[in-house]
Structures are given as structure tokens and as C-alpha cells.
Amino acid sequence: MWICFFAAVCGGLDGCNTGGGGSVPADIRAEFNKRIYKNATWGLRVVDSSGKVLIDYNPRYHFFIASTRKIFTVGELLDEVGPNHTYDTAVYSQATIDLSLWTPA
């Protein structure tokens, strides 16, 4: 049996609607209710391999899933800087770096 799990941060469980399926387990609710997420809205869907929805928390909220949102972000960046633009990222270390790990085989 496989399970699909989707959780999106966007607060607490107060005022959210739970759709069909079971309730959110206590350990997951504890994460949802952490102070750091007080202004977040959560969505959670757990589906088993047969397609049966086991948990459907806040199903009516329309989330922008990160993988979809990236399309717009990267598209805008490409429009602004062009496909040939490069960035230099400085890397600082106080340890010895084994460059052989970064050399193609």
C-alpha cells in the first residue's frame, strides 16, 4: 500500500474544514499548532493505493503548490535576465573541501 501525502503551510486547526476521511493524527496536529505557524493555513490529503481518501483536511482551500509556483517564478526570472545570465555564488568554509567529490567521473 502506498500513501500520497500533501501538506501545505499557509495556522492552526481553528476554523478549517475537514472533508471526508479520517481525522488528522495528534502528532501532525501538534505540528500544525506550533506557534511559528500561527498565521498559516494547512492542507493535508492522504490517499491509499486504491484511491481511497484517508484524510482530507481543508480540501476547499486552493493552495499554490510550490512545484507549480516555481514555473511562474522561473519564467519571470528568464524574462527579466534572459536564458544566458549566470550568477556567481560565493562559498565560504573553515574546513578543508575535497574537490574530488565535485569532479565528474
N, C-alpha and C. Protein backbone atom coordinates (compact mmCIF):
# COMPACT_ATOMS: atom_id res chain seq x y z
N MET A 1 0.84 -1.18 0.00
CA MET A 1 0.00 0.00 0.00
C MET A 1 0.88 1.23 0.00
N TRP A 2 0.64 2.15 -0.89
CA TRP A 2 1.35 3.42 -0.88
C TRP A 2 0.41 4.51 -0.45
N ILE A 3 0.97 5.58 0.03
CA ILE A 3 0.15 6.69 0.50
C ILE A 3 0.71 7.98 -0.09
N CYS A 4 -0.18 8.78 -0.67
CA CYS A 4 0.18 10.11 -1.13
C CYS A 4 -0.07 11.07 0.02
N PHE A 5 0.86 11.94 0.25
CA PHE A 5 0.74 12.87 1.37
C PHE A 5 0.99 14.26 0.85
N PHE A 6 0.08 15.17 1.11
CA PHE A 6 0.27 16.56 0.72
C PHE A 6 -0.04 17.42 1.92
N ALA A 7 0.89 18.24 2.29
CA ALA A 7 0.67 19.19 3.37
C ALA A 7 1.19 20.53 2.91
N ALA A 8 0.41 21.54 3.10
CA ALA A 8 0.84 22.88 2.71
C ALA A 8 0.72 23.81 3.90
N VAL A 9 1.74 24.57 4.10
CA VAL A 9 1.69 25.57 5.16
C VAL A 9 1.10 26.82 4.56
N CYS A 10 0.17 27.29 5.04
CA CYS A 10 -0.36 28.59 4.58
C CYS A 10 -1.18 29.23 5.66
N GLY A 11 -2.19 28.09 9.91
CA GLY A 11 -2.06 28.09 11.24
C GLY A 11 -2.75 26.95 11.84
N GLY A 12 -3.08 27.28 12.58
CA GLY A 12 -3.65 26.31 13.46
C GLY A 12 -4.84 25.64 12.81
N LEU A 13 -5.43 24.73 13.56
CA LEU A 13 -6.56 23.98 13.03
C LEU A 13 -7.87 24.71 13.21
N ASP A 14 -7.86 25.82 13.90
CA ASP A 14 -9.10 26.54 14.16
C ASP A 14 -9.72 27.07 12.88
N GLY A 15 -10.98 26.84 12.71
CA GLY A 15 -11.71 27.41 11.59
C GLY A 15 -11.52 26.70 10.27
N CYS A 16 -10.79 25.61 10.23
CA CYS A 16 -10.58 24.89 8.98
C CYS A 16 -11.60 23.77 8.87
N ASN A 17 -11.99 23.48 7.65
CA ASN A 17 -12.96 22.42 7.41
C ASN A 17 -12.23 21.14 7.05
N THR A 18 -12.68 20.05 7.62
CA THR A 18 -12.14 18.76 7.25
C THR A 18 -13.14 18.11 6.32
N GLY A 19 -12.65 17.63 5.19
CA GLY A 19 -13.51 16.94 4.23
C GLY A 19 -13.72 15.51 4.69
N GLY A 20 -14.00 14.64 3.75
CA GLY A 20 -14.22 13.23 4.07
C GLY A 20 -12.95 12.59 4.60
N GLY A 21 -13.06 11.37 5.01
CA GLY A 21 -11.90 10.66 5.51
C GLY A 21 -11.76 10.83 7.00
N GLY A 22 -10.67 10.28 7.53
CA GLY A 22 -10.44 10.30 8.96
C GLY A 22 -9.91 11.62 9.45
N SER A 23 -9.66 11.67 10.75
CA SER A 23 -9.16 12.90 11.35
C SER A 23 -7.64 12.94 11.28
N VAL A 24 -7.10 14.13 11.42
CA VAL A 24 -5.66 14.34 11.38
C VAL A 24 -5.07 13.79 12.69
N PRO A 25 -4.05 12.94 12.61
CA PRO A 25 -3.44 12.38 13.82
C PRO A 25 -2.88 13.47 14.73
N ALA A 26 -2.85 13.18 16.02
CA ALA A 26 -2.44 14.15 17.03
C ALA A 26 -1.04 14.69 16.80
N ASP A 27 -0.10 13.85 16.38
CA ASP A 27 1.27 14.34 16.19
C ASP A 27 1.36 15.34 15.03
N ILE A 28 0.55 15.16 14.01
CA ILE A 28 0.52 16.10 12.89
C ILE A 28 -0.20 17.37 13.32
N ARG A 29 -1.31 17.24 14.07
CA ARG A 29 -2.00 18.42 14.59
C ARG A 29 -1.06 19.25 15.46
N ALA A 30 -0.19 18.59 16.24
CA ALA A 30 0.77 19.30 17.09
C ALA A 30 1.70 20.16 16.24
N GLU A 31 2.11 19.66 15.09
CA GLU A 31 2.94 20.45 14.17
C GLU A 31 2.15 21.64 13.65
N PHE A 32 0.93 21.39 13.21
CA PHE A 32 0.07 22.46 12.69
C PHE A 32 -0.08 23.59 13.70
N ASN A 33 -0.15 23.24 14.98
CA ASN A 33 -0.46 24.21 16.03
C ASN A 33 0.76 24.88 16.65
N LYS A 34 1.94 24.63 16.12
CA LYS A 34 3.13 25.29 16.65
C LYS A 34 3.02 26.80 16.44
N ARG A 35 3.56 27.52 17.40
CA ARG A 35 3.48 28.99 17.39
C ARG A 35 4.05 29.58 16.11
N ILE A 36 5.09 28.99 15.58
CA ILE A 36 5.72 29.51 14.37
C ILE A 36 4.76 29.54 13.18
N TYR A 37 3.74 28.69 13.21
CA TYR A 37 2.78 28.60 12.11
C TYR A 37 1.45 29.28 12.43
N LYS A 38 1.43 30.19 13.39
CA LYS A 38 0.17 30.77 13.86
C LYS A 38 -0.63 31.45 12.75
N ASN A 39 0.02 31.96 11.73
CA ASN A 39 -0.68 32.63 10.62
C ASN A 39 -0.76 31.77 9.37
N ALA A 40 -0.55 30.49 9.53
CA ALA A 40 -0.52 29.58 8.38
C ALA A 40 -1.89 28.95 8.14
N THR A 41 -2.06 28.45 6.95
CA THR A 41 -3.23 27.64 6.60
C THR A 41 -2.69 26.31 6.10
N TRP A 42 -3.23 25.24 6.62
CA TRP A 42 -2.73 23.91 6.30
C TRP A 42 -3.72 23.15 5.43
N GLY A 43 -3.19 22.34 4.57
CA GLY A 43 -3.98 21.40 3.80
C GLY A 43 -3.29 20.05 3.84
N LEU A 44 -4.04 19.01 3.94
CA LEU A 44 -3.45 17.67 4.04
C LEU A 44 -4.39 16.68 3.35
N ARG A 45 -3.84 15.91 2.46
CA ARG A 45 -4.62 14.83 1.83
C ARG A 45 -3.77 13.58 1.84
N VAL A 46 -4.33 12.51 2.36
CA VAL A 46 -3.67 11.21 2.38
C VAL A 46 -4.57 10.25 1.62
N VAL A 47 -3.98 9.60 0.61
CA VAL A 47 -4.74 8.70 -0.26
C VAL A 47 -4.02 7.36 -0.30
N ASP A 48 -4.76 6.26 -0.17
CA ASP A 48 -4.10 4.96 -0.25
C ASP A 48 -4.00 4.51 -1.71
N SER A 49 -3.39 3.38 -1.95
CA SER A 49 -3.12 2.91 -3.31
C SER A 49 -4.38 2.61 -4.11
N SER A 50 -5.50 2.43 -3.44
CA SER A 50 -6.76 2.18 -4.16
C SER A 50 -7.45 3.48 -4.56
N GLY A 51 -6.90 4.60 -4.10
CA GLY A 51 -7.51 5.89 -4.38
C GLY A 51 -8.44 6.37 -3.28
N LYS A 52 -8.62 5.56 -2.24
CA LYS A 52 -9.47 5.95 -1.13
C LYS A 52 -8.80 7.07 -0.33
N VAL A 53 -9.55 8.15 -0.10
CA VAL A 53 -9.03 9.27 0.68
C VAL A 53 -9.13 8.92 2.16
N LEU A 54 -7.97 8.88 2.81
CA LEU A 54 -7.94 8.55 4.23
C LEU A 54 -8.07 9.80 5.10
N ILE A 55 -7.44 10.89 4.68
CA ILE A 55 -7.54 12.17 5.37
C ILE A 55 -7.65 13.25 4.31
N ASP A 56 -8.58 14.16 4.49
CA ASP A 56 -8.74 15.28 3.56
C ASP A 56 -9.00 16.52 4.39
N TYR A 57 -7.94 17.18 4.77
CA TYR A 57 -8.04 18.32 5.68
C TYR A 57 -7.96 19.63 4.91
N ASN A 58 -8.95 20.46 5.06
CA ASN A 58 -9.05 21.76 4.41
C ASN A 58 -9.11 21.63 2.88
N PRO A 59 -9.97 20.75 2.38
CA PRO A 59 -9.99 20.47 0.94
C PRO A 59 -10.54 21.60 0.08
N ARG A 60 -11.23 22.54 0.66
CA ARG A 60 -11.83 23.61 -0.14
C ARG A 60 -10.89 24.79 -0.38
N TYR A 61 -9.73 24.77 0.29
CA TYR A 61 -8.76 25.85 0.13
C TYR A 61 -7.92 25.57 -1.11
N HIS A 62 -7.74 26.56 -1.95
CA HIS A 62 -6.95 26.40 -3.16
C HIS A 62 -5.52 26.84 -2.91
N PHE A 63 -4.62 25.87 -2.77
CA PHE A 63 -3.22 26.14 -2.49
C PHE A 63 -2.44 26.30 -3.79
N PHE A 64 -1.39 27.12 -3.73
CA PHE A 64 -0.42 27.18 -4.81
C PHE A 64 0.71 26.25 -4.41
N ILE A 65 0.77 25.09 -5.01
CA ILE A 65 1.79 24.11 -4.67
C ILE A 65 3.13 24.62 -5.19
N ALA A 66 4.17 24.46 -4.41
CA ALA A 66 5.48 25.02 -4.73
C ALA A 66 5.97 24.61 -6.11
N SER A 67 5.81 23.35 -6.49
CA SER A 67 6.32 22.92 -7.78
C SER A 67 5.61 23.63 -8.93
N THR A 68 4.36 23.97 -8.75
CA THR A 68 3.63 24.72 -9.77
C THR A 68 4.02 26.19 -9.73
N ARG A 69 4.15 26.73 -8.54
CA ARG A 69 4.50 28.14 -8.38
C ARG A 69 5.87 28.45 -8.99
N LYS A 70 6.80 27.49 -8.93
CA LYS A 70 8.14 27.71 -9.47
C LYS A 70 8.10 28.02 -10.96
N ILE A 71 7.16 27.45 -11.68
CA ILE A 71 7.05 27.70 -13.12
C ILE A 71 6.91 29.19 -13.38
N PHE A 72 6.07 29.86 -12.61
CA PHE A 72 5.85 31.29 -12.80
C PHE A 72 7.07 32.10 -12.36
N THR A 73 7.68 31.70 -11.24
CA THR A 73 8.84 32.41 -10.72
C THR A 73 10.00 32.33 -11.70
N VAL A 74 10.31 31.14 -12.16
CA VAL A 74 11.43 30.95 -13.08
C VAL A 74 11.13 31.60 -14.42
N GLY A 75 9.89 31.52 -14.88
CA GLY A 75 9.51 32.17 -16.13
C GLY A 75 9.71 33.67 -16.07
N GLU A 76 9.33 34.28 -14.96
CA GLU A 76 9.52 35.72 -14.78
C GLU A 76 11.01 36.07 -14.75
N LEU A 77 11.79 35.26 -14.04
CA LEU A 77 13.23 35.49 -13.99
C LEU A 77 13.84 35.40 -15.39
N LEU A 78 13.47 34.39 -16.17
CA LEU A 78 14.00 34.25 -17.53
C LEU A 78 13.64 35.45 -18.38
N ASP A 79 12.42 35.96 -18.22
CA ASP A 79 12.01 37.16 -18.97
C ASP A 79 12.87 38.36 -18.59
N GLU A 80 13.21 38.47 -17.31
CA GLU A 80 13.96 39.63 -16.82
C GLU A 80 15.45 39.58 -17.18
N VAL A 81 16.10 38.43 -16.99
CA VAL A 81 17.56 38.37 -17.14
C VAL A 81 18.01 37.61 -18.38
N GLY A 82 17.13 36.84 -18.99
CA GLY A 82 17.50 36.08 -20.18
C GLY A 82 18.09 34.72 -19.83
N PRO A 83 18.05 33.78 -20.78
CA PRO A 83 18.49 32.41 -20.51
C PRO A 83 20.00 32.25 -20.39
N ASN A 84 20.78 33.23 -20.81
CA ASN A 84 22.24 33.11 -20.74
C ASN A 84 22.84 33.77 -19.51
N HIS A 85 22.02 34.34 -18.67
CA HIS A 85 22.51 35.00 -17.46
C HIS A 85 23.03 33.96 -16.47
N THR A 86 24.12 34.29 -15.80
CA THR A 86 24.64 33.40 -14.77
C THR A 86 24.80 34.17 -13.46
N TYR A 87 24.81 33.44 -12.38
CA TYR A 87 25.04 34.01 -11.05
C TYR A 87 26.30 33.39 -10.47
N ASP A 88 27.06 34.17 -9.77
CA ASP A 88 28.20 33.65 -9.02
C ASP A 88 27.78 33.55 -7.56
N THR A 89 27.94 32.38 -7.00
CA THR A 89 27.59 32.15 -5.61
C THR A 89 28.87 31.87 -4.83
N ALA A 90 29.17 32.72 -3.87
CA ALA A 90 30.37 32.54 -3.05
C ALA A 90 30.11 31.42 -2.04
N VAL A 91 31.11 30.60 -1.85
CA VAL A 91 31.04 29.52 -0.86
C VAL A 91 32.20 29.72 0.10
N TYR A 92 31.90 29.80 1.37
CA TYR A 92 32.92 30.01 2.39
C TYR A 92 32.95 28.79 3.31
N SER A 93 34.15 28.41 3.70
CA SER A 93 34.28 27.25 4.59
C SER A 93 35.49 27.43 5.49
N GLN A 94 35.39 26.93 6.69
CA GLN A 94 36.53 26.91 7.60
C GLN A 94 37.15 25.51 7.62
N ALA A 95 36.58 24.62 6.83
CA ALA A 95 37.08 23.25 6.76
C ALA A 95 37.72 23.02 5.40
N THR A 96 38.44 21.95 5.28
CA THR A 96 39.02 21.56 4.01
C THR A 96 37.93 20.94 3.14
N ILE A 97 37.90 21.35 1.88
CA ILE A 97 36.88 20.84 0.96
C ILE A 97 37.55 19.88 0.00
N ASP A 98 37.01 18.67 -0.10
CA ASP A 98 37.53 17.66 -1.01
C ASP A 98 36.91 17.88 -2.39
N LEU A 99 37.64 18.54 -3.27
CA LEU A 99 37.11 18.88 -4.60
C LEU A 99 36.93 17.65 -5.48
N SER A 100 37.54 16.54 -5.13
CA SER A 100 37.36 15.33 -5.95
C SER A 100 35.92 14.86 -5.94
N LEU A 101 35.18 15.25 -4.92
CA LEU A 101 33.76 14.88 -4.86
C LEU A 101 32.95 15.62 -5.90
N TRP A 102 33.47 16.74 -6.41
CA TRP A 102 32.75 17.57 -7.36
C TRP A 102 33.24 17.40 -8.79
N THR A 103 34.22 16.56 -8.98
CA THR A 103 34.78 16.35 -10.31
C THR A 103 34.02 15.23 -11.00
N PRO A 104 33.59 15.49 -12.25
CA PRO A 104 32.87 14.42 -12.96
C PRO A 104 33.74 13.18 -13.13
N ALA A 105 33.14 12.04 -13.05
CA ALA A 105 33.87 10.76 -13.17
C ALA A 105 34.28 10.48 -14.59
